[in-house]
Amino acid sequence: MPIGAVEEHLSYDFPKSLMWCSLDGNFWFGGTTSVNGVENPESRLANSRLGATFAVPIRKHQSLKFSYSDGVHIRYGTNYQNVSAAWQYSWLGRPK
């Protein structure tokens, strides 16, 4: 059985600073395990996560991104918290 997903982001750009933040959510569903071709409907995924991201420019082509997410509705597996920090480099110029 295939797995489907829906993802949404609500973002805000801070005026004149190129910083931005977003509230992020997703929901995925489907997929079941099977043994000898017999599917187990109890293993069907129906999980969602909620999180936030904050990005800060540090130079013309560079920024730092920080994010956090946590499971909101967990039917089967994947119940974890995630914290991340990233350095991002863009070869594109700043918007005019």
PDB file of N, CA and C in Angstrom:
ATOM      1  N   MET A   1       0.842  -1.172   0.000  1.00  0.00           N
ATOM      2  CA  MET A   1       0.000   0.000   0.000  1.00  0.00           C
ATOM      3  C   MET A   1       0.896   1.246   0.000  1.00  0.00           C
ATOM      4  N   PRO A   2       0.620   2.226  -0.857  1.00  0.00           N
ATOM      5  CA  PRO A   2       1.437   3.446  -0.908  1.00  0.00           C
ATOM      6  C   PRO A   2       1.280   4.306   0.341  1.00  0.00           C
ATOM      7  N   ILE A   3       2.258   5.195   0.546  1.00  0.00           N
ATOM      8  CA  ILE A   3       2.216   6.148   1.648  1.00  0.00           C
ATOM      9  C   ILE A   3       2.004   7.543   1.066  1.00  0.00           C
ATOM     10  N   GLY A   4       1.017   8.262   1.593  1.00  0.00           N
ATOM     11  CA  GLY A   4       0.739   9.630   1.157  1.00  0.00           C
ATOM     12  C   GLY A   4       1.142  10.607   2.239  1.00  0.00           C
ATOM     13  N   ALA A   5       1.379  11.850   1.841  1.00  0.00           N
ATOM     14  CA  ALA A   5       1.784  12.878   2.811  1.00  0.00           C
ATOM     15  C   ALA A   5       1.246  14.238   2.401  1.00  0.00           C
ATOM     16  N   VAL A   6       0.934  15.055   3.414  1.00  0.00           N
ATOM     17  CA  VAL A   6       0.521  16.436   3.228  1.00  0.00           C
ATOM     18  C   VAL A   6       1.391  17.278   4.150  1.00  0.00           C
ATOM     19  N   GLU A   7       1.915  18.382   3.625  1.00  0.00           N
ATOM     20  CA  GLU A   7       2.793  19.235   4.423  1.00  0.00           C
ATOM     21  C   GLU A   7       2.365  20.690   4.231  1.00  0.00           C
ATOM     22  N   GLU A   8       2.370  21.450   5.335  1.00  0.00           N
ATOM     23  CA  GLU A   8       1.973  22.854   5.288  1.00  0.00           C
ATOM     24  C   GLU A   8       2.976  23.708   6.050  1.00  0.00           C
ATOM     25  N   HIS A   9       3.148  24.958   5.573  1.00  0.00           N
ATOM     26  CA  HIS A   9       4.037  25.914   6.231  1.00  0.00           C
ATOM     27  C   HIS A   9       3.345  27.275   6.269  1.00  0.00           C
ATOM     28  N   LEU A  10       3.378  27.893   7.407  1.00  0.00           N
ATOM     29  CA  LEU A  10       2.874  29.253   7.572  1.00  0.00           C
ATOM     30  C   LEU A  10       4.085  30.090   7.973  1.00  0.00           C
ATOM     31  N   SER A  11       4.506  31.013   7.096  1.00  0.00           N
ATOM     32  CA  SER A  11       5.759  31.719   7.370  1.00  0.00           C
ATOM     33  C   SER A  11       5.552  33.222   7.495  1.00  0.00           C
ATOM     34  N   TYR A  12       6.541  33.843   8.139  1.00  0.00           N
ATOM     35  CA  TYR A  12       6.550  35.288   8.319  1.00  0.00           C
ATOM     36  C   TYR A  12       7.953  35.791   8.005  1.00  0.00           C
ATOM     37  N   ASP A  13       8.060  36.783   7.132  1.00  0.00           N
ATOM     38  CA  ASP A  13       9.334  37.424   6.810  1.00  0.00           C
ATOM     39  C   ASP A  13       9.439  38.718   7.611  1.00  0.00           C
ATOM     40  N   PHE A  14      10.520  38.863   8.368  1.00  0.00           N
ATOM     41  CA  PHE A  14      10.730  40.080   9.146  1.00  0.00           C
ATOM     42  C   PHE A  14      11.184  41.208   8.208  1.00  0.00           C
ATOM     43  N   PRO A  15      10.498  42.341   8.235  1.00  0.00           N
ATOM     44  CA  PRO A  15      10.816  43.437   7.310  1.00  0.00           C
ATOM     45  C   PRO A  15      12.262  43.920   7.457  1.00  0.00           C
ATOM     46  N   LYS A  16      12.915  44.152   6.326  1.00  0.00           N
ATOM     47  CA  LYS A  16      14.249  44.761   6.231  1.00  0.00           C
ATOM     48  C   LYS A  16      15.378  43.956   6.856  1.00  0.00           C
ATOM     49  N   SER A  17      15.131  42.765   7.362  1.00  0.00           N
ATOM     50  CA  SER A  17      16.202  42.018   8.010  1.00  0.00           C
ATOM     51  C   SER A  17      16.530  40.705   7.309  1.00  0.00           C
ATOM     52  N   LEU A  18      15.688  40.243   6.404  1.00  0.00           N
ATOM     53  CA  LEU A  18      15.823  38.960   5.703  1.00  0.00           C
ATOM     54  C   LEU A  18      15.734  37.751   6.636  1.00  0.00           C
ATOM     55  N   MET A  19      15.337  37.961   7.903  1.00  0.00           N
ATOM     56  CA  MET A  19      15.060  36.839   8.797  1.00  0.00           C
ATOM     57  C   MET A  19      13.653  36.354   8.508  1.00  0.00           C
ATOM     58  N   TRP A  20      13.402  35.081   8.775  1.00  0.00           N
ATOM     59  CA  TRP A  20      12.056  34.551   8.624  1.00  0.00           C
ATOM     60  C   TRP A  20      11.857  33.419   9.618  1.00  0.00           C
ATOM     61  N   CYS A  21      10.589  33.147   9.898  1.00  0.00           N
ATOM     62  CA  CYS A  21      10.246  32.022  10.753  1.00  0.00           C
ATOM     63  C   CYS A  21       9.013  31.342  10.158  1.00  0.00           C
ATOM     64  N   SER A  22       8.807  30.101  10.527  1.00  0.00           N
ATOM     65  CA  SER A  22       7.633  29.393  10.019  1.00  0.00           C
ATOM     66  C   SER A  22       7.118  28.388  11.037  1.00  0.00           C
ATOM     67  N   LEU A  23       5.838  28.153  10.960  1.00  0.00           N
ATOM     68  CA  LEU A  23       5.179  27.095  11.707  1.00  0.00           C
ATOM     69  C   LEU A  23       4.933  25.990  10.688  1.00  0.00           C
ATOM     70  N   ASP A  24       5.389  24.779  10.980  1.00  0.00           N
ATOM     71  CA  ASP A  24       5.371  23.688  10.013  1.00  0.00           C
ATOM     72  C   ASP A  24       4.548  22.519  10.542  1.00  0.00           C
ATOM     73  N   GLY A  25       3.788  21.904   9.673  1.00  0.00           N
ATOM     74  CA  GLY A  25       3.018  20.734  10.059  1.00  0.00           C
ATOM     75  C   GLY A  25       2.941  19.744   8.917  1.00  0.00           C
ATOM     76  N   ASN A  26       2.819  18.480   9.248  1.00  0.00           N
ATOM     77  CA  ASN A  26       2.620  17.475   8.206  1.00  0.00           C
ATOM     78  C   ASN A  26       1.767  16.325   8.734  1.00  0.00           C
ATOM     79  N   PHE A  27       1.266  15.561   7.797  1.00  0.00           N
ATOM     80  CA  PHE A  27       0.454  14.377   8.100  1.00  0.00           C
ATOM     81  C   PHE A  27       0.768  13.342   7.031  1.00  0.00           C
ATOM     82  N   TRP A  28       1.078  12.131   7.431  1.00  0.00           N
ATOM     83  CA  TRP A  28       1.283  11.074   6.458  1.00  0.00           C
ATOM     84  C   TRP A  28       0.458   9.862   6.837  1.00  0.00           C
ATOM     85  N   PHE A  29       0.092   9.111   5.813  1.00  0.00           N
ATOM     86  CA  PHE A  29      -0.884   8.039   5.999  1.00  0.00           C
ATOM     87  C   PHE A  29      -0.637   6.934   4.986  1.00  0.00           C
ATOM     88  N   GLY A  30      -1.140   5.758   5.300  1.00  0.00           N
ATOM     89  CA  GLY A  30      -1.040   4.618   4.396  1.00  0.00           C
ATOM     90  C   GLY A  30       0.095   3.703   4.789  1.00  0.00           C
ATOM     91  N   GLY A  31       0.437   2.815   3.895  1.00  0.00           N
ATOM     92  CA  GLY A  31       1.526   1.883   4.133  1.00  0.00           C
ATOM     93  C   GLY A  31       1.184   0.885   5.222  1.00  0.00           C
ATOM     94  N   THR A  32       1.272  -0.358   4.934  1.00  0.00           N
ATOM     95  CA  THR A  32       1.062  -1.408   5.933  1.00  0.00           C
ATOM     96  C   THR A  32       2.152  -2.455   5.771  1.00  0.00           C
ATOM     97  N   THR A  33       2.414  -3.171   6.840  1.00  0.00           N
ATOM     98  CA  THR A  33       3.354  -4.280   6.755  1.00  0.00           C
ATOM     99  C   THR A  33       2.595  -5.530   6.329  1.00  0.00           C
ATOM    100  N   SER A  34       3.336  -6.483   5.788  1.00  0.00           N
ATOM    101  CA  SER A  34       2.706  -7.754   5.403  1.00  0.00           C
ATOM    102  C   SER A  34       3.689  -8.892   5.635  1.00  0.00           C
ATOM    103  N   VAL A  35       3.148 -10.043   5.942  1.00  0.00           N
ATOM    104  CA  VAL A  35       3.933 -11.261   6.117  1.00  0.00           C
ATOM    105  C   VAL A  35       3.337 -12.304   5.187  1.00  0.00           C
ATOM    106  N   ASN A  36       4.171 -12.852   4.318  1.00  0.00           N
ATOM    107  CA  ASN A  36       3.720 -13.846   3.329  1.00  0.00           C
ATOM    108  C   ASN A  36       2.536 -13.327   2.512  1.00  0.00           C
ATOM    109  N   GLY A  37       2.557 -12.036   2.168  1.00  0.00           N
ATOM    110  CA  GLY A  37       1.510 -11.444   1.341  1.00  0.00           C
ATOM    111  C   GLY A  37       0.239 -11.069   2.078  1.00  0.00           C
ATOM    112  N   VAL A  38       0.167 -11.299   3.394  1.00  0.00           N
ATOM    113  CA  VAL A  38      -1.023 -10.955   4.174  1.00  0.00           C
ATOM    114  C   VAL A  38      -0.764  -9.632   4.888  1.00  0.00           C
ATOM    115  N   GLU A  39      -1.535  -8.583   4.521  1.00  0.00           N
ATOM    116  CA  GLU A  39      -1.354  -7.263   5.124  1.00  0.00           C
ATOM    117  C   GLU A  39      -1.888  -7.216   6.545  1.00  0.00           C
ATOM    118  N   ASN A  40      -1.226  -6.432   7.383  1.00  0.00           N
ATOM    119  CA  ASN A  40      -1.656  -6.212   8.758  1.00  0.00           C
ATOM    120  C   ASN A  40      -2.228  -4.795   8.845  1.00  0.00           C
ATOM    121  N   PRO A  41      -3.563  -4.620   8.832  1.00  0.00           N
ATOM    122  CA  PRO A  41      -4.145  -3.280   8.854  1.00  0.00           C
ATOM    123  C   PRO A  41      -3.828  -2.499  10.136  1.00  0.00           C
ATOM    124  N   GLU A  42      -3.432  -3.176  11.199  1.00  0.00           N
ATOM    125  CA  GLU A  42      -3.077  -2.494  12.446  1.00  0.00           C
ATOM    126  C   GLU A  42      -1.772  -1.712  12.316  1.00  0.00           C
ATOM    127  N   SER A  43      -0.977  -1.998  11.285  1.00  0.00           N
ATOM    128  CA  SER A  43       0.307  -1.316  11.113  1.00  0.00           C
ATOM    129  C   SER A  43       0.203  -0.110  10.171  1.00  0.00           C
ATOM    130  N   ARG A  44      -0.999   0.253   9.758  1.00  0.00           N
ATOM    131  CA  ARG A  44      -1.191   1.387   8.845  1.00  0.00           C
ATOM    132  C   ARG A  44      -0.773   2.685   9.531  1.00  0.00           C
ATOM    133  N   LEU A  45       0.016   3.498   8.819  1.00  0.00           N
ATOM    134  CA  LEU A  45       0.467   4.784   9.356  1.00  0.00           C
ATOM    135  C   LEU A  45      -0.635   5.828   9.277  1.00  0.00           C
ATOM    136  N   ALA A  46      -0.710   6.680  10.269  1.00  0.00           N
ATOM    137  CA  ALA A  46      -1.580   7.856  10.290  1.00  0.00           C
ATOM    138  C   ALA A  46      -0.978   8.794  11.338  1.00  0.00           C
ATOM    139  N   ASN A  47       0.140   9.414  10.986  1.00  0.00           N
ATOM    140  CA  ASN A  47       0.914  10.193  11.942  1.00  0.00           C
ATOM    141  C   ASN A  47       1.030  11.647  11.509  1.00  0.00           C
ATOM    142  N   SER A  48       1.236  12.550  12.472  1.00  0.00           N
ATOM    143  CA  SER A  48       1.445  13.955  12.144  1.00  0.00           C
ATOM    144  C   SER A  48       2.483  14.559  13.077  1.00  0.00           C
ATOM    145  N   ARG A  49       3.128  15.624  12.578  1.00  0.00           N
ATOM    146  CA  ARG A  49       4.150  16.338  13.335  1.00  0.00           C
ATOM    147  C   ARG A  49       3.877  17.830  13.244  1.00  0.00           C
ATOM    148  N   LEU A  50       4.340  18.569  14.246  1.00  0.00           N
ATOM    149  CA  LEU A  50       4.221  20.020  14.280  1.00  0.00           C
ATOM    150  C   LEU A  50       5.576  20.578  14.689  1.00  0.00           C
ATOM    151  N   GLY A  51       5.993  21.673  14.049  1.00  0.00           N
ATOM    152  CA  GLY A  51       7.300  22.231  14.374  1.00  0.00           C
ATOM    153  C   GLY A  51       7.418  23.685  13.985  1.00  0.00           C
ATOM    154  N   ALA A  52       8.617  24.217  14.168  1.00  0.00           N
ATOM    155  CA  ALA A  52       8.900  25.609  13.837  1.00  0.00           C
ATOM    156  C   ALA A  52      10.323  25.716  13.307  1.00  0.00           C
ATOM    157  N   THR A  53      10.535  26.709  12.433  1.00  0.00           N
ATOM    158  CA  THR A  53      11.848  26.973  11.855  1.00  0.00           C
ATOM    159  C   THR A  53      12.126  28.468  11.955  1.00  0.00           C
ATOM    160  N   PHE A  54      13.383  28.816  12.218  1.00  0.00           N
ATOM    161  CA  PHE A  54      13.799  30.217  12.291  1.00  0.00           C
ATOM    162  C   PHE A  54      15.101  30.350  11.509  1.00  0.00           C
ATOM    163  N   ALA A  55      15.175  31.302  10.577  1.00  0.00           N
ATOM    164  CA  ALA A  55      16.373  31.506   9.763  1.00  0.00           C
ATOM    165  C   ALA A  55      16.910  32.915   9.970  1.00  0.00           C
ATOM    166  N   VAL A  56      18.254  33.005  10.117  1.00  0.00           N
ATOM    167  CA  VAL A  56      18.938  34.275  10.356  1.00  0.00           C
ATOM    168  C   VAL A  56      20.046  34.433   9.317  1.00  0.00           C
ATOM    169  N   PRO A  57      20.012  35.507   8.515  1.00  0.00           N
ATOM    170  CA  PRO A  57      21.120  35.718   7.578  1.00  0.00           C
ATOM    171  C   PRO A  57      22.387  36.151   8.333  1.00  0.00           C
ATOM    172  N   ILE A  58      23.548  35.641   7.898  1.00  0.00           N
ATOM    173  CA  ILE A  58      24.796  36.037   8.548  1.00  0.00           C
ATOM    174  C   ILE A  58      25.745  36.752   7.583  1.00  0.00           C
ATOM    175  N   ARG A  59      25.621  36.514   6.296  1.00  0.00           N
ATOM    176  CA  ARG A  59      26.382  37.198   5.248  1.00  0.00           C
ATOM    177  C   ARG A  59      25.517  37.225   3.999  1.00  0.00           C
ATOM    178  N   LYS A  60      26.043  37.803   2.929  1.00  0.00           N
ATOM    179  CA  LYS A  60      25.257  37.964   1.710  1.00  0.00           C
ATOM    180  C   LYS A  60      24.666  36.644   1.196  1.00  0.00           C
ATOM    181  N   HIS A  61      25.444  35.588   1.197  1.00  0.00           N
ATOM    182  CA  HIS A  61      24.976  34.306   0.648  1.00  0.00           C
ATOM    183  C   HIS A  61      24.803  33.226   1.725  1.00  0.00           C
ATOM    184  N   GLN A  62      24.885  33.583   2.990  1.00  0.00           N
ATOM    185  CA  GLN A  62      24.867  32.575   4.047  1.00  0.00           C
ATOM    186  C   GLN A  62      23.802  32.876   5.099  1.00  0.00           C
ATOM    187  N   SER A  63      23.259  31.804   5.667  1.00  0.00           N
ATOM    188  CA  SER A  63      22.307  31.967   6.766  1.00  0.00           C
ATOM    189  C   SER A  63      22.388  30.754   7.687  1.00  0.00           C
ATOM    190  N   LEU A  64      21.868  30.927   8.885  1.00  0.00           N
ATOM    191  CA  LEU A  64      21.742  29.835   9.852  1.00  0.00           C
ATOM    192  C   LEU A  64      20.268  29.533  10.014  1.00  0.00           C
ATOM    193  N   LYS A  65      19.926  28.253  10.073  1.00  0.00           N
ATOM    194  CA  LYS A  65      18.534  27.835  10.273  1.00  0.00           C
ATOM    195  C   LYS A  65      18.464  26.938  11.495  1.00  0.00           C
ATOM    196  N   PHE A  66      17.451  27.185  12.316  1.00  0.00           N
ATOM    197  CA  PHE A  66      17.213  26.387  13.513  1.00  0.00           C
ATOM    198  C   PHE A  66      15.785  25.870  13.449  1.00  0.00           C
ATOM    199  N   SER A  67      15.598  24.612  13.791  1.00  0.00           N
ATOM    200  CA  SER A  67      14.234  24.075  13.741  1.00  0.00           C
ATOM    201  C   SER A  67      14.006  23.049  14.844  1.00  0.00           C
ATOM    202  N   TYR A  68      12.728  22.855  15.136  1.00  0.00           N
ATOM    203  CA  TYR A  68      12.288  21.900  16.149  1.00  0.00           C
ATOM    204  C   TYR A  68      10.981  21.281  15.672  1.00  0.00           C
ATOM    205  N   SER A  69      10.802  19.996  15.901  1.00  0.00           N
ATOM    206  CA  SER A  69       9.515  19.357  15.620  1.00  0.00           C
ATOM    207  C   SER A  69       9.263  18.233  16.614  1.00  0.00           C
ATOM    208  N   ASP A  70       7.988  17.914  16.769  1.00  0.00           N
ATOM    209  CA  ASP A  70       7.575  16.862  17.706  1.00  0.00           C
ATOM    210  C   ASP A  70       6.354  16.161  17.135  1.00  0.00           C
ATOM    211  N   GLY A  71       6.179  14.912  17.483  1.00  0.00           N
ATOM    212  CA  GLY A  71       4.999  14.170  17.052  1.00  0.00           C
ATOM    213  C   GLY A  71       3.745  14.689  17.737  1.00  0.00           C
ATOM    214  N   VAL A  72       2.670  14.856  16.972  1.00  0.00           N
ATOM    215  CA  VAL A  72       1.400  15.346  17.514  1.00  0.00           C
ATOM    216  C   VAL A  72       0.420  14.190  17.651  1.00  0.00           C
ATOM    217  N   HIS A  73       0.237  13.469  16.567  1.00  0.00           N
ATOM    218  CA  HIS A  73      -0.658  12.302  16.558  1.00  0.00           C
ATOM    219  C   HIS A  73       0.144  11.138  16.005  1.00  0.00           C
ATOM    220  N   ILE A  74       0.393  10.133  16.831  1.00  0.00           N
ATOM    221  CA  ILE A  74       1.192   8.987  16.415  1.00  0.00           C
ATOM    222  C   ILE A  74       0.343   7.735  16.551  1.00  0.00           C
ATOM    223  N   ARG A  75       0.004   7.135  15.422  1.00  0.00           N
ATOM    224  CA  ARG A  75      -0.774   5.894  15.461  1.00  0.00           C
ATOM    225  C   ARG A  75       0.160   4.690  15.569  1.00  0.00           C
ATOM    226  N   TYR A  76       1.287   4.760  14.846  1.00  0.00           N
ATOM    227  CA  TYR A  76       2.203   3.619  14.819  1.00  0.00           C
ATOM    228  C   TYR A  76       3.612   4.118  14.525  1.00  0.00           C
ATOM    229  N   GLY A  77       4.553   3.951  15.449  1.00  0.00           N
ATOM    230  CA  GLY A  77       5.959   4.290  15.247  1.00  0.00           C
ATOM    231  C   GLY A  77       6.222   5.784  15.110  1.00  0.00           C
ATOM    232  N   THR A  78       7.449   6.132  14.824  1.00  0.00           N
ATOM    233  CA  THR A  78       7.958   7.477  14.542  1.00  0.00           C
ATOM    234  C   THR A  78       7.590   8.538  15.576  1.00  0.00           C
ATOM    235  N   ASN A  79       7.574   8.202  16.854  1.00  0.00           N
ATOM    236  CA  ASN A  79       7.299   9.177  17.903  1.00  0.00           C
ATOM    237  C   ASN A  79       8.631   9.680  18.454  1.00  0.00           C
ATOM    238  N   TYR A  80       9.061  10.852  17.996  1.00  0.00           N
ATOM    239  CA  TYR A  80      10.343  11.398  18.417  1.00  0.00           C
ATOM    240  C   TYR A  80      10.310  12.922  18.334  1.00  0.00           C
ATOM    241  N   GLN A  81      11.267  13.568  18.999  1.00  0.00           N
ATOM    242  CA  GLN A  81      11.464  15.009  18.904  1.00  0.00           C
ATOM    243  C   GLN A  81      12.708  15.241  18.053  1.00  0.00           C
ATOM    244  N   ASN A  82      12.710  16.326  17.294  1.00  0.00           N
ATOM    245  CA  ASN A  82      13.839  16.624  16.423  1.00  0.00           C
ATOM    246  C   ASN A  82      14.271  18.083  16.615  1.00  0.00           C
ATOM    247  N   VAL A  83      15.566  18.284  16.870  1.00  0.00           N
ATOM    248  CA  VAL A  83      16.142  19.617  16.962  1.00  0.00           C
ATOM    249  C   VAL A  83      17.263  19.662  15.939  1.00  0.00           C
ATOM    250  N   SER A  84      17.305  20.729  15.130  1.00  0.00           N
ATOM    251  CA  SER A  84      18.374  20.804  14.135  1.00  0.00           C
ATOM    252  C   SER A  84      18.868  22.230  13.967  1.00  0.00           C
ATOM    253  N   ALA A  85      20.121  22.329  13.577  1.00  0.00           N
ATOM    254  CA  ALA A  85      20.748  23.600  13.232  1.00  0.00           C
ATOM    255  C   ALA A  85      21.482  23.360  11.920  1.00  0.00           C
ATOM    256  N   ALA A  86      21.404  24.338  11.022  1.00  0.00           N
ATOM    257  CA  ALA A  86      22.042  24.173   9.718  1.00  0.00           C
ATOM    258  C   ALA A  86      22.659  25.476   9.255  1.00  0.00           C
ATOM    259  N   TRP A  87      23.772  25.350   8.556  1.00  0.00           N
ATOM    260  CA  TRP A  87      24.387  26.472   7.866  1.00  0.00           C
ATOM    261  C   TRP A  87      23.991  26.332   6.402  1.00  0.00           C
ATOM    262  N   GLN A  88      23.511  27.400   5.816  1.00  0.00           N
ATOM    263  CA  GLN A  88      23.010  27.350   4.444  1.00  0.00           C
ATOM    264  C   GLN A  88      23.794  28.338   3.583  1.00  0.00           C
ATOM    265  N   TYR A  89      24.239  27.884   2.421  1.00  0.00           N
ATOM    266  CA  TYR A  89      24.931  28.752   1.475  1.00  0.00           C
ATOM    267  C   TYR A  89      24.145  28.774   0.181  1.00  0.00           C
ATOM    268  N   SER A  90      23.910  29.969  -0.350  1.00  0.00           N
ATOM    269  CA  SER A  90      23.198  30.123  -1.611  1.00  0.00           C
ATOM    270  C   SER A  90      24.095  30.784  -2.635  1.00  0.00           C
ATOM    271  N   TRP A  91      24.098  30.261  -3.859  1.00  0.00           N
ATOM    272  CA  TRP A  91      24.860  30.865  -4.931  1.00  0.00           C
ATOM    273  C   TRP A  91      24.067  31.998  -5.587  1.00  0.00           C
ATOM    274  N   LEU A  92      22.840  32.179  -5.188  1.00  0.00           N
ATOM    275  CA  LEU A  92      21.998  33.242  -5.738  1.00  0.00           C
ATOM    276  C   LEU A  92      22.174  34.506  -4.909  1.00  0.00           C
ATOM    277  N   GLY A  93      21.951  35.666  -5.513  1.00  0.00           N
ATOM    278  CA  GLY A  93      22.071  36.933  -4.802  1.00  0.00           C
ATOM    279  C   GLY A  93      20.837  37.219  -3.959  1.00  0.00           C
ATOM    280  N   ARG A  94      20.922  38.255  -3.151  1.00  0.00           N
ATOM    281  CA  ARG A  94      19.786  38.677  -2.339  1.00  0.00           C
ATOM    282  C   ARG A  94      18.708  39.264  -3.238  1.00  0.00           C
ATOM    283  N   PRO A  95      17.445  39.152  -2.828  1.00  0.00           N
ATOM    284  CA  PRO A  95      16.371  39.760  -3.623  1.00  0.00           C
ATOM    285  C   PRO A  95      16.482  41.278  -3.590  1.00  0.00           C
ATOM    286  N   LYS A  96      16.067  41.906  -4.681  1.00  0.00           N
ATOM    287  CA  LYS A  96      16.135  43.374  -4.769  1.00  0.00           C
ATOM    288  C   LYS A  96      14.850  44.007  -4.306  1.00  0.00           C
TER     289      LYS A  96
END
